[in-house]
PDB file of N, CA and C in Angstrom:
ATOM      1  N   ARG A   1       3.053  15.827  23.282  1.00  0.00           N
ATOM      2  CA  ARG A   1       2.040  16.172  22.305  1.00  0.00           C
ATOM      3  C   ARG A   1       2.531  17.260  21.372  1.00  0.00           C
ATOM      4  N   GLY A   2       3.813  17.437  21.270  1.00  0.00           N
ATOM      5  CA  GLY A   2       4.408  18.482  20.447  1.00  0.00           C
ATOM      6  C   GLY A   2       4.211  18.235  18.973  1.00  0.00           C
ATOM      7  N   ASP A   3       5.227  18.575  18.201  1.00  0.00           N
ATOM      8  CA  ASP A   3       5.078  18.411  16.759  1.00  0.00           C
ATOM      9  C   ASP A   3       5.045  16.931  16.386  1.00  0.00           C
ATOM     10  N   LYS A   4       4.607  16.657  15.164  1.00  0.00           N
ATOM     11  CA  LYS A   4       4.368  15.270  14.774  1.00  0.00           C
ATOM     12  C   LYS A   4       5.643  14.454  14.692  1.00  0.00           C
ATOM     13  N   TRP A   5       6.790  15.060  14.409  1.00  0.00           N
ATOM     14  CA  TRP A   5       8.028  14.296  14.286  1.00  0.00           C
ATOM     15  C   TRP A   5       8.555  13.892  15.661  1.00  0.00           C
ATOM     16  N   THR A   6       8.401  14.749  16.640  1.00  0.00           N
ATOM     17  CA  THR A   6       8.773  14.390  18.013  1.00  0.00           C
ATOM     18  C   THR A   6       7.873  13.260  18.500  1.00  0.00           C
ATOM     19  N   LYS A   7       6.616  13.343  18.140  1.00  0.00           N
ATOM     20  CA  LYS A   7       5.651  12.303  18.510  1.00  0.00           C
ATOM     21  C   LYS A   7       6.018  10.967  17.855  1.00  0.00           C
ATOM     22  N   LEU A   8       6.477  11.019  16.602  1.00  0.00           N
ATOM     23  CA  LEU A   8       6.898   9.798  15.916  1.00  0.00           C
ATOM     24  C   LEU A   8       8.083   9.159  16.633  1.00  0.00           C
ATOM     25  N   VAL A   9       9.055   9.957  17.032  1.00  0.00           N
ATOM     26  CA  VAL A   9      10.215   9.430  17.760  1.00  0.00           C
ATOM     27  C   VAL A   9       9.756   8.778  19.064  1.00  0.00           C
ATOM     28  N   ALA A  10       8.830   9.431  19.773  1.00  0.00           N
ATOM     29  CA  ALA A  10       8.302   8.848  21.010  1.00  0.00           C
ATOM     30  C   ALA A  10       7.617   7.513  20.727  1.00  0.00           C
ATOM     31  N   CYS A  11       6.853   7.438  19.649  1.00  0.00           N
ATOM     32  CA  CYS A  11       6.165   6.194  19.277  1.00  0.00           C
ATOM     33  C   CYS A  11       7.162   5.084  18.945  1.00  0.00           C
ATOM     34  N   LEU A  12       8.188   5.434  18.209  1.00  0.00           N
ATOM     35  CA  LEU A  12       9.208   4.448  17.865  1.00  0.00           C
ATOM     36  C   LEU A  12       9.904   3.920  19.117  1.00  0.00           C
ATOM     37  N   LEU A  13      10.178   4.813  20.069  1.00  0.00           N
ATOM     38  CA  LEU A  13      10.807   4.386  21.320  1.00  0.00           C
ATOM     39  C   LEU A  13       9.881   3.480  22.139  1.00  0.00           C
ATOM     40  N   ILE A  14       8.604   3.831  22.199  1.00  0.00           N
ATOM     41  CA  ILE A  14       7.636   2.990  22.918  1.00  0.00           C
ATOM     42  C   ILE A  14       7.612   1.592  22.301  1.00  0.00           C
ATOM     43  N   ASP A  15       7.549   1.521  20.982  1.00  0.00           N
ATOM     44  CA  ASP A  15       7.511   0.220  20.309  1.00  0.00           C
ATOM     45  C   ASP A  15       8.831  -0.531  20.463  1.00  0.00           C
ATOM     46  N   LEU A  16       9.941   0.182  20.402  1.00  0.00           N
ATOM     47  CA  LEU A  16      11.252  -0.456  20.561  1.00  0.00           C
ATOM     48  C   LEU A  16      11.395  -1.066  21.955  1.00  0.00           C
ATOM     49  N   ILE A  17      10.983  -0.348  22.964  1.00  0.00           N
ATOM     50  CA  ILE A  17      11.034  -0.883  24.328  1.00  0.00           C
ATOM     51  C   ILE A  17      10.136  -2.106  24.442  1.00  0.00           C
ATOM     52  N   GLY A  18       8.936  -2.020  23.890  1.00  0.00           N
ATOM     53  CA  GLY A  18       8.017  -3.158  23.931  1.00  0.00           C
ATOM     54  C   GLY A  18       8.562  -4.382  23.232  1.00  0.00           C
ATOM     55  N   MET A  19       9.223  -4.185  22.104  1.00  0.00           N
ATOM     56  CA  MET A  19       9.789  -5.312  21.357  1.00  0.00           C
ATOM     57  C   MET A  19      11.076  -5.840  21.991  1.00  0.00           C
ATOM     58  N   SER A  20      11.750  -4.998  22.750  1.00  0.00           N
ATOM     59  CA  SER A  20      13.035  -5.404  23.322  1.00  0.00           C
ATOM     60  C   SER A  20      12.892  -6.505  24.372  1.00  0.00           C
ATOM     61  N   THR A  21      11.698  -6.734  24.862  1.00  0.00           N
ATOM     62  CA  THR A  21      11.518  -7.800  25.849  1.00  0.00           C
ATOM     63  C   THR A  21      11.781  -9.169  25.242  1.00  0.00           C
ATOM     64  N   TYR A  22      11.769  -9.266  23.917  1.00  0.00           N
ATOM     65  CA  TYR A  22      12.095 -10.530  23.256  1.00  0.00           C
ATOM     66  C   TYR A  22      13.572 -10.892  23.402  1.00  0.00           C
ATOM     67  N   THR A  23      14.415  -9.930  23.776  1.00  0.00           N
ATOM     68  CA  THR A  23      15.849 -10.200  23.878  1.00  0.00           C
ATOM     69  C   THR A  23      16.191 -11.080  25.079  1.00  0.00           C
ATOM     70  N   VAL A  24      15.308 -11.134  26.060  1.00  0.00           N
ATOM     71  CA  VAL A  24      15.518 -11.993  27.228  1.00  0.00           C
ATOM     72  C   VAL A  24      14.415 -13.051  27.216  1.00  0.00           C
ATOM     73  N   PRO A  25      14.695 -14.224  26.651  1.00  0.00           N
ATOM     74  CA  PRO A  25      13.662 -15.227  26.392  1.00  0.00           C
ATOM     75  C   PRO A  25      12.738 -15.557  27.573  1.00  0.00           C
ATOM     76  N   ALA A  26      13.237 -15.927  28.704  1.00  0.00           N
ATOM     77  CA  ALA A  26      12.370 -16.348  29.805  1.00  0.00           C
ATOM     78  C   ALA A  26      11.732 -15.158  30.513  1.00  0.00           C
ATOM     79  N   LEU A  27      12.417 -14.044  30.529  1.00  0.00           N
ATOM     80  CA  LEU A  27      11.943 -12.876  31.268  1.00  0.00           C
ATOM     81  C   LEU A  27      11.013 -11.995  30.432  1.00  0.00           C
ATOM     82  N   GLY A  28      11.038 -12.183  29.126  1.00  0.00           N
ATOM     83  CA  GLY A  28      10.324 -11.300  28.213  1.00  0.00           C
ATOM     84  C   GLY A  28       8.869 -11.073  28.515  1.00  0.00           C
ATOM     85  N   GLU A  29       8.096 -12.127  28.597  1.00  0.00           N
ATOM     86  CA  GLU A  29       6.648 -11.973  28.816  1.00  0.00           C
ATOM     87  C   GLU A  29       6.355 -11.448  30.224  1.00  0.00           C
ATOM     88  N   THR A  30       7.201 -11.750  31.178  1.00  0.00           N
ATOM     89  CA  THR A  30       7.026 -11.208  32.536  1.00  0.00           C
ATOM     90  C   THR A  30       7.261  -9.700  32.525  1.00  0.00           C
ATOM     91  N   ALA A  31       8.275  -9.263  31.799  1.00  0.00           N
ATOM     92  CA  ALA A  31       8.558  -7.832  31.695  1.00  0.00           C
ATOM     93  C   ALA A  31       7.409  -7.098  31.014  1.00  0.00           C
ATOM     94  N   ASP A  32       6.733  -7.762  30.085  1.00  0.00           N
ATOM     95  CA  ASP A  32       5.595  -7.143  29.401  1.00  0.00           C
ATOM     96  C   ASP A  32       4.483  -6.762  30.363  1.00  0.00           C
ATOM     97  N   VAL A  33       4.291  -7.542  31.386  1.00  0.00           N
ATOM     98  CA  VAL A  33       3.235  -7.245  32.363  1.00  0.00           C
ATOM     99  C   VAL A  33       3.519  -5.908  33.045  1.00  0.00           C
ATOM    100  N   GLY A  34       4.784  -5.612  33.284  1.00  0.00           N
ATOM    101  CA  GLY A  34       5.146  -4.325  33.872  1.00  0.00           C
ATOM    102  C   GLY A  34       5.142  -3.189  32.863  1.00  0.00           C
ATOM    103  N   TRP A  35       5.549  -3.487  31.630  1.00  0.00           N
ATOM    104  CA  TRP A  35       5.630  -2.451  30.602  1.00  0.00           C
ATOM    105  C   TRP A  35       4.258  -2.093  30.031  1.00  0.00           C
ATOM    106  N   ALA A  36       3.330  -3.022  30.005  1.00  0.00           N
ATOM    107  CA  ALA A  36       2.019  -2.796  29.380  1.00  0.00           C
ATOM    108  C   ALA A  36       1.301  -1.562  29.926  1.00  0.00           C
ATOM    109  N   PRO A  37       1.158  -1.400  31.248  1.00  0.00           N
ATOM    110  CA  PRO A  37       0.453  -0.204  31.722  1.00  0.00           C
ATOM    111  C   PRO A  37       1.232   1.091  31.452  1.00  0.00           C
ATOM    112  N   VAL A  38       2.551   1.020  31.508  1.00  0.00           N
ATOM    113  CA  VAL A  38       3.359   2.207  31.219  1.00  0.00           C
ATOM    114  C   VAL A  38       3.162   2.613  29.758  1.00  0.00           C
ATOM    115  N   SER A  39       3.231   1.641  28.872  1.00  0.00           N
ATOM    116  CA  SER A  39       3.020   1.885  27.450  1.00  0.00           C
ATOM    117  C   SER A  39       1.629   2.473  27.206  1.00  0.00           C
ATOM    118  N   ALA A  40       0.630   1.906  27.859  1.00  0.00           N
ATOM    119  CA  ALA A  40      -0.747   2.385  27.674  1.00  0.00           C
ATOM    120  C   ALA A  40      -0.900   3.833  28.135  1.00  0.00           C
ATOM    121  N   VAL A  41      -0.295   4.179  29.247  1.00  0.00           N
ATOM    122  CA  VAL A  41      -0.375   5.564  29.741  1.00  0.00           C
ATOM    123  C   VAL A  41       0.305   6.520  28.757  1.00  0.00           C
ATOM    124  N   LEU A  42       1.467   6.131  28.248  1.00  0.00           N
ATOM    125  CA  LEU A  42       2.173   6.977  27.278  1.00  0.00           C
ATOM    126  C   LEU A  42       1.357   7.156  26.000  1.00  0.00           C
ATOM    127  N   ILE A  43       0.762   6.081  25.516  1.00  0.00           N
ATOM    128  CA  ILE A  43      -0.033   6.167  24.293  1.00  0.00           C
ATOM    129  C   ILE A  43      -1.306   6.983  24.525  1.00  0.00           C
ATOM    130  N   GLN A  44      -1.902   6.842  25.678  1.00  0.00           N
ATOM    131  CA  GLN A  44      -3.076   7.662  25.997  1.00  0.00           C
ATOM    132  C   GLN A  44      -2.691   9.142  26.022  1.00  0.00           C
ATOM    133  N   TYR A  45      -1.542   9.443  26.598  1.00  0.00           N
ATOM    134  CA  TYR A  45      -1.073  10.828  26.643  1.00  0.00           C
ATOM    135  C   TYR A  45      -0.836  11.368  25.226  1.00  0.00           C
ATOM    136  N   LEU A  46      -0.212  10.558  24.379  1.00  0.00           N
ATOM    137  CA  LEU A  46       0.118  11.008  23.026  1.00  0.00           C
ATOM    138  C   LEU A  46      -1.100  11.164  22.133  1.00  0.00           C
ATOM    139  N   PHE A  47      -2.059  10.228  22.241  1.00  0.00           N
ATOM    140  CA  PHE A  47      -3.167  10.210  21.281  1.00  0.00           C
ATOM    141  C   PHE A  47      -4.528  10.542  21.891  1.00  0.00           C
ATOM    142  N   GLY A  48      -4.686  10.361  23.190  1.00  0.00           N
ATOM    143  CA  GLY A  48      -5.973  10.656  23.817  1.00  0.00           C
ATOM    144  C   GLY A  48      -7.113   9.831  23.262  1.00  0.00           C
ATOM    145  N   ASN A  49      -6.817   8.593  22.881  1.00  0.00           N
ATOM    146  CA  ASN A  49      -7.816   7.740  22.251  1.00  0.00           C
ATOM    147  C   ASN A  49      -7.900   6.426  23.025  1.00  0.00           C
ATOM    148  N   GLY A  50      -9.030   6.183  23.652  1.00  0.00           N
ATOM    149  CA  GLY A  50      -9.199   4.984  24.469  1.00  0.00           C
ATOM    150  C   GLY A  50      -9.084   3.689  23.690  1.00  0.00           C
ATOM    151  N   LEU A  51      -9.540   3.673  22.444  1.00  0.00           N
ATOM    152  CA  LEU A  51      -9.455   2.461  21.631  1.00  0.00           C
ATOM    153  C   LEU A  51      -7.996   2.101  21.344  1.00  0.00           C
ATOM    154  N   ILE A  52      -7.215   3.077  20.931  1.00  0.00           N
ATOM    155  CA  ILE A  52      -5.802   2.830  20.647  1.00  0.00           C
ATOM    156  C   ILE A  52      -5.081   2.427  21.923  1.00  0.00           C
ATOM    157  N   THR A  53      -5.408   3.076  23.023  1.00  0.00           N
ATOM    158  CA  THR A  53      -4.791   2.734  24.306  1.00  0.00           C
ATOM    159  C   THR A  53      -5.108   1.302  24.694  1.00  0.00           C
ATOM    160  N   GLY A  54      -6.356   0.891  24.533  1.00  0.00           N
ATOM    161  CA  GLY A  54      -6.756  -0.486  24.845  1.00  0.00           C
ATOM    162  C   GLY A  54      -6.054  -1.506  23.972  1.00  0.00           C
ATOM    163  N   VAL A  55      -5.944  -1.199  22.693  1.00  0.00           N
ATOM    164  CA  VAL A  55      -5.241  -2.107  21.773  1.00  0.00           C
ATOM    165  C   VAL A  55      -3.776  -2.220  22.180  1.00  0.00           C
ATOM    166  N   ALA A  56      -3.159  -1.103  22.533  1.00  0.00           N
ATOM    167  CA  ALA A  56      -1.753  -1.114  22.949  1.00  0.00           C
ATOM    168  C   ALA A  56      -1.562  -1.934  24.222  1.00  0.00           C
ATOM    169  N   LEU A  57      -2.475  -1.795  25.157  1.00  0.00           N
ATOM    170  CA  LEU A  57      -2.391  -2.559  26.404  1.00  0.00           C
ATOM    171  C   LEU A  57      -2.501  -4.057  26.128  1.00  0.00           C
ATOM    172  N   LEU A  58      -3.473  -4.446  25.322  1.00  0.00           N
ATOM    173  CA  LEU A  58      -3.634  -5.862  24.972  1.00  0.00           C
ATOM    174  C   LEU A  58      -2.430  -6.394  24.199  1.00  0.00           C
ATOM    175  N   GLU A  59      -1.922  -5.584  23.294  1.00  0.00           N
ATOM    176  CA  GLU A  59      -0.767  -6.006  22.489  1.00  0.00           C
ATOM    177  C   GLU A  59       0.443  -6.300  23.367  1.00  0.00           C
ATOM    178  N   GLU A  60       0.625  -5.528  24.415  1.00  0.00           N
ATOM    179  CA  GLU A  60       1.766  -5.762  25.312  1.00  0.00           C
ATOM    180  C   GLU A  60       1.530  -6.943  26.250  1.00  0.00           C
ATOM    181  N   ILE A  61       0.296  -7.157  26.666  1.00  0.00           N
ATOM    182  CA  ILE A  61       0.005  -8.228  27.625  1.00  0.00           C
ATOM    183  C   ILE A  61      -0.063  -9.596  26.958  1.00  0.00           C
ATOM    184  N   LEU A  62      -0.670  -9.666  25.773  1.00  0.00           N
ATOM    185  CA  LEU A  62      -0.844 -10.960  25.120  1.00  0.00           C
ATOM    186  C   LEU A  62       0.491 -11.519  24.628  1.00  0.00           C
ATOM    187  N   PRO A  63       0.763 -12.777  24.894  1.00  0.00           N
ATOM    188  CA  PRO A  63       2.043 -13.368  24.474  1.00  0.00           C
ATOM    189  C   PRO A  63       2.187 -13.395  22.951  1.00  0.00           C
ATOM    190  N   GLY A  64       3.396 -13.092  22.505  1.00  0.00           N
ATOM    191  CA  GLY A  64       3.711 -13.187  21.089  1.00  0.00           C
ATOM    192  C   GLY A  64       3.246 -12.034  20.223  1.00  0.00           C
ATOM    193  N   THR A  65       2.688 -10.995  20.809  1.00  0.00           N
ATOM    194  CA  THR A  65       2.166  -9.886  20.007  1.00  0.00           C
ATOM    195  C   THR A  65       3.059  -8.648  20.040  1.00  0.00           C
ATOM    196  N   ASP A  66       4.191  -8.744  20.719  1.00  0.00           N
ATOM    197  CA  ASP A  66       5.085  -7.580  20.827  1.00  0.00           C
ATOM    198  C   ASP A  66       5.648  -7.135  19.489  1.00  0.00           C
ATOM    199  N   ILE A  67       5.567  -7.956  18.506  1.00  0.00           N
ATOM    200  CA  ILE A  67       6.124  -7.640  17.192  1.00  0.00           C
ATOM    201  C   ILE A  67       5.348  -6.515  16.497  1.00  0.00           C
ATOM    202  N   PHE A  68       4.105  -6.275  16.906  1.00  0.00           N
ATOM    203  CA  PHE A  68       3.277  -5.237  16.284  1.00  0.00           C
ATOM    204  C   PHE A  68       3.632  -3.860  16.848  1.00  0.00           C
ATOM    205  N   PRO A  69       4.009  -2.914  15.996  1.00  0.00           N
ATOM    206  CA  PRO A  69       4.372  -1.571  16.466  1.00  0.00           C
ATOM    207  C   PRO A  69       3.128  -0.684  16.636  1.00  0.00           C
ATOM    208  N   THR A  70       2.375  -0.929  17.661  1.00  0.00           N
ATOM    209  CA  THR A  70       1.081  -0.275  17.856  1.00  0.00           C
ATOM    210  C   THR A  70       1.173   1.243  17.905  1.00  0.00           C
ATOM    211  N   ALA A  71       2.126   1.776  18.638  1.00  0.00           N
ATOM    212  CA  ALA A  71       2.248   3.236  18.746  1.00  0.00           C
ATOM    213  C   ALA A  71       2.569   3.856  17.393  1.00  0.00           C
ATOM    214  N   THR A  72       3.445   3.220  16.642  1.00  0.00           N
ATOM    215  CA  THR A  72       3.811   3.742  15.324  1.00  0.00           C
ATOM    216  C   THR A  72       2.634   3.649  14.353  1.00  0.00           C
ATOM    217  N   ILE A  73       1.882   2.571  14.433  1.00  0.00           N
ATOM    218  CA  ILE A  73       0.682   2.444  13.593  1.00  0.00           C
ATOM    219  C   ILE A  73      -0.322   3.544  13.940  1.00  0.00           C
ATOM    220  N   ALA A  74      -0.478   3.836  15.222  1.00  0.00           N
ATOM    221  CA  ALA A  74      -1.386   4.912  15.648  1.00  0.00           C
ATOM    222  C   ALA A  74      -0.917   6.254  15.077  1.00  0.00           C
ATOM    223  N   TRP A  75       0.404   6.477  15.093  1.00  0.00           N
ATOM    224  CA  TRP A  75       0.937   7.719  14.526  1.00  0.00           C
ATOM    225  C   TRP A  75       0.626   7.807  13.033  1.00  0.00           C
ATOM    226  N   ILE A  76       0.802   6.702  12.320  1.00  0.00           N
ATOM    227  CA  ILE A  76       0.515   6.671  10.883  1.00  0.00           C
ATOM    228  C   ILE A  76      -0.955   6.985  10.628  1.00  0.00           C
ATOM    229  N   LEU A  77      -1.832   6.392  11.427  1.00  0.00           N
ATOM    230  CA  LEU A  77      -3.265   6.646  11.265  1.00  0.00           C
ATOM    231  C   LEU A  77      -3.605   8.110  11.512  1.00  0.00           C
ATOM    232  N   GLU A  78      -2.888   8.726  12.418  1.00  0.00           N
ATOM    233  CA  GLU A  78      -3.173  10.115  12.769  1.00  0.00           C
ATOM    234  C   GLU A  78      -2.534  11.126  11.809  1.00  0.00           C
ATOM    235  N   ASN A  79      -1.434  10.766  11.175  1.00  0.00           N
ATOM    236  CA  ASN A  79      -0.640  11.770  10.471  1.00  0.00           C
ATOM    237  C   ASN A  79      -0.432  11.560   8.986  1.00  0.00           C
ATOM    238  N   THR A  80      -1.043  10.576   8.387  1.00  0.00           N
ATOM    239  CA  THR A  80      -0.816  10.355   6.959  1.00  0.00           C
ATOM    240  C   THR A  80      -2.128  10.269   6.198  1.00  0.00           C
ATOM    241  N   GLU A  81      -2.017  10.436   4.907  1.00  0.00           N
ATOM    242  CA  GLU A  81      -3.188  10.315   4.048  1.00  0.00           C
ATOM    243  C   GLU A  81      -3.731   8.884   4.074  1.00  0.00           C
ATOM    244  N   ALA A  82      -2.836   7.909   4.162  1.00  0.00           N
ATOM    245  CA  ALA A  82      -3.271   6.511   4.257  1.00  0.00           C
ATOM    246  C   ALA A  82      -4.123   6.314   5.503  1.00  0.00           C
ATOM    247  N   GLY A  83      -3.720   6.933   6.595  1.00  0.00           N
ATOM    248  CA  GLY A  83      -4.499   6.851   7.824  1.00  0.00           C
ATOM    249  C   GLY A  83      -5.857   7.489   7.675  1.00  0.00           C
ATOM    250  N   ASP A  84      -5.925   8.613   6.946  1.00  0.00           N
ATOM    251  CA  ASP A  84      -7.211   9.264   6.701  1.00  0.00           C
ATOM    252  C   ASP A  84      -8.156   8.338   5.957  1.00  0.00           C
ATOM    253  N   ARG A  85      -7.622   7.591   4.983  1.00  0.00           N
ATOM    254  CA  ARG A  85      -8.465   6.656   4.227  1.00  0.00           C
ATOM    255  C   ARG A  85      -8.992   5.550   5.124  1.00  0.00           C
ATOM    256  N   VAL A  86      -8.152   5.039   6.013  1.00  0.00           N
ATOM    257  CA  VAL A  86      -8.585   3.979   6.931  1.00  0.00           C
ATOM    258  C   VAL A  86      -9.688   4.491   7.833  1.00  0.00           C
ATOM    259  N   VAL A  87      -9.528   5.701   8.337  1.00  0.00           N
ATOM    260  CA  VAL A  87     -10.547   6.280   9.212  1.00  0.00           C
ATOM    261  C   VAL A  87     -11.847   6.474   8.455  1.00  0.00           C
ATOM    262  N   ARG A  88     -11.771   6.952   7.206  1.00  0.00           N
ATOM    263  CA  ARG A  88     -12.996   7.151   6.414  1.00  0.00           C
ATOM    264  C   ARG A  88     -13.690   5.827   6.130  1.00  0.00           C
ATOM    265  N   VAL A  89     -12.929   4.783   5.842  1.00  0.00           N
ATOM    266  CA  VAL A  89     -13.528   3.469   5.585  1.00  0.00           C
ATOM    267  C   VAL A  89     -14.234   2.971   6.834  1.00  0.00           C
ATOM    268  N   GLY A  90     -13.699   3.293   7.999  1.00  0.00           N
ATOM    269  CA  GLY A  90     -14.285   2.843   9.259  1.00  0.00           C
ATOM    270  C   GLY A  90     -15.513   3.620   9.692  1.00  0.00           C
ATOM    271  N   GLU A  91     -15.807   4.733   9.043  1.00  0.00           N
ATOM    272  CA  GLU A  91     -16.985   5.517   9.403  1.00  0.00           C
ATOM    273  C   GLU A  91     -18.251   4.790   8.974  1.00  0.00           C
ATOM    274  N   ARG A  92     -19.336   5.026   9.695  1.00  0.00           N
ATOM    275  CA  ARG A  92     -20.609   4.391   9.341  1.00  0.00           C
ATOM    276  C   ARG A  92     -21.121   4.878   8.001  1.00  0.00           C
ATOM    277  N   ASN A  93     -21.136   6.163   7.818  1.00  0.00           N
ATOM    278  CA  ASN A  93     -21.645   6.749   6.582  1.00  0.00           C
ATOM    279  C   ASN A  93     -20.601   7.697   6.014  1.00  0.00           C
ATOM    280  N   PRO A  94     -19.597   7.156   5.329  1.00  0.00           N
ATOM    281  CA  PRO A  94     -18.568   8.035   4.776  1.00  0.00           C
ATOM    282  C   PRO A  94     -19.191   9.096   3.880  1.00  0.00           C
ATOM    283  N   GLY A  95     -18.705  10.310   4.012  1.00  0.00           N
ATOM    284  CA  GLY A  95     -19.202  11.404   3.193  1.00  0.00           C
ATOM    285  C   GLY A  95     -20.397  12.126   3.791  1.00  0.00           C
ATOM    286  N   SER A  96     -20.982  11.589   4.864  1.00  0.00           N
ATOM    287  CA  SER A  96     -22.115  12.270   5.481  1.00  0.00           C
ATOM    288  C   SER A  96     -21.608  13.420   6.357  1.00  0.00           C
ATOM    289  N   PRO A  97     -22.452  14.415   6.597  1.00  0.00           N
ATOM    290  CA  PRO A  97     -22.025  15.551   7.417  1.00  0.00           C
ATOM    291  C   PRO A  97     -21.617  15.098   8.818  1.00  0.00           C
ATOM    292  N   ARG A  98     -20.595  15.764   9.359  1.00  0.00           N
ATOM    293  CA  ARG A  98     -20.138  15.469  10.711  1.00  0.00           C
ATOM    294  C   ARG A  98     -20.102  16.762  11.503  1.00  0.00           C
ATOM    295  N   ILE A  99     -20.392  16.675  12.781  1.00  0.00           N
ATOM    296  CA  ILE A  99     -20.248  17.835  13.651  1.00  0.00           C
ATOM    297  C   ILE A  99     -18.809  17.871  14.133  1.00  0.00           C
ATOM    298  N   ILE A 100     -18.171  19.010  13.948  1.00  0.00           N
ATOM    299  CA  ILE A 100     -16.794  19.186  14.394  1.00  0.00           C
ATOM    300  C   ILE A 100     -16.810  20.204  15.527  1.00  0.00           C
ATOM    301  N   ARG A 101     -16.229  19.837  16.628  1.00  0.00           N
ATOM    302  CA  ARG A 101     -16.194  20.715  17.793  1.00  0.00           C
ATOM    303  C   ARG A 101     -14.874  21.476  17.821  1.00  0.00           C
ATOM    304  N   ASP A 102     -14.968  22.782  17.962  1.00  0.00           N
ATOM    305  CA  ASP A 102     -13.793  23.632  18.116  1.00  0.00           C
ATOM    306  C   ASP A 102     -13.750  24.043  19.580  1.00  0.00           C
ATOM    307  N   ASN A 103     -13.007  23.279  20.375  1.00  0.00           N
ATOM    308  CA  ASN A 103     -12.970  23.529  21.818  1.00  0.00           C
ATOM    309  C   ASN A 103     -12.295  24.849  22.163  1.00  0.00           C
ATOM    310  N   LYS A 104     -11.418  25.309  21.298  1.00  0.00           N
ATOM    311  CA  LYS A 104     -10.712  26.561  21.575  1.00  0.00           C
ATOM    312  C   LYS A 104     -11.694  27.739  21.556  1.00  0.00           C
ATOM    313  N   ASN A 105     -12.562  27.754  20.547  1.00  0.00           N
ATOM    314  CA  ASN A 105     -13.520  28.853  20.408  1.00  0.00           C
ATOM    315  C   ASN A 105     -14.912  28.491  20.907  1.00  0.00           C
ATOM    316  N   LYS A 106     -15.073  27.269  21.397  1.00  0.00           N
ATOM    317  CA  LYS A 106     -16.364  26.787  21.914  1.00  0.00           C
ATOM    318  C   LYS A 106     -17.459  26.848  20.859  1.00  0.00           C
ATOM    319  N   ASP A 107     -17.103  26.558  19.596  1.00  0.00           N
ATOM    320  CA  ASP A 107     -18.063  26.558  18.504  1.00  0.00           C
ATOM    321  C   ASP A 107     -18.210  25.154  17.943  1.00  0.00           C
ATOM    322  N   ASP A 108     -19.354  24.890  17.334  1.00  0.00           N
ATOM    323  CA  ASP A 108     -19.567  23.652  16.617  1.00  0.00           C
ATOM    324  C   ASP A 108     -19.759  23.985  15.138  1.00  0.00           C
ATOM    325  N   PHE A 109     -19.177  23.165  14.280  1.00  0.00           N
ATOM    326  CA  PHE A 109     -19.306  23.355  12.839  1.00  0.00           C
ATOM    327  C   PHE A 109     -19.839  22.082  12.236  1.00  0.00           C
ATOM    328  N   ILE A 110     -20.532  22.211  11.124  1.00  0.00           N
ATOM    329  CA  ILE A 110     -20.965  21.037  10.382  1.00  0.00           C
ATOM    330  C   ILE A 110     -20.097  20.943   9.148  1.00  0.00           C
ATOM    331  N   ASP A 111     -19.386  19.834   9.033  1.00  0.00           N
ATOM    332  CA  ASP A 111     -18.502  19.579   7.903  1.00  0.00           C
ATOM    333  C   ASP A 111     -19.272  18.761   6.886  1.00  0.00           C
ATOM    334  N   VAL A 112     -19.470  19.313   5.685  1.00  0.00           N
ATOM    335  CA  VAL A 112     -20.228  18.595   4.646  1.00  0.00           C
ATOM    336  C   VAL A 112     -19.385  18.303   3.448  1.00  0.00           C
TER     337      VAL A 112
END
């Protein structure tokens, strides 16, 4: 959970390992069954987001979906302006006030 560039390298490695199962044609999808939970645990550790973790788990288990770089996409959503736009589009009421929790200081703020 260090700096964002270390996290990006970790994401790229997770996706590279997931995609590498295609190099062994008959064994590939079988290897995915073992890699899927490991990948999901790593992504949960990096992002702490159950939705992203679930998508990553399904992406590794479902046949033919290893081509999608789920961890790297999650990093992009978390660390770029493009990701901010996607998150805002996904909100129910974009632009409406949100409660922001500051766990460090145990305070709540209203972002307007």
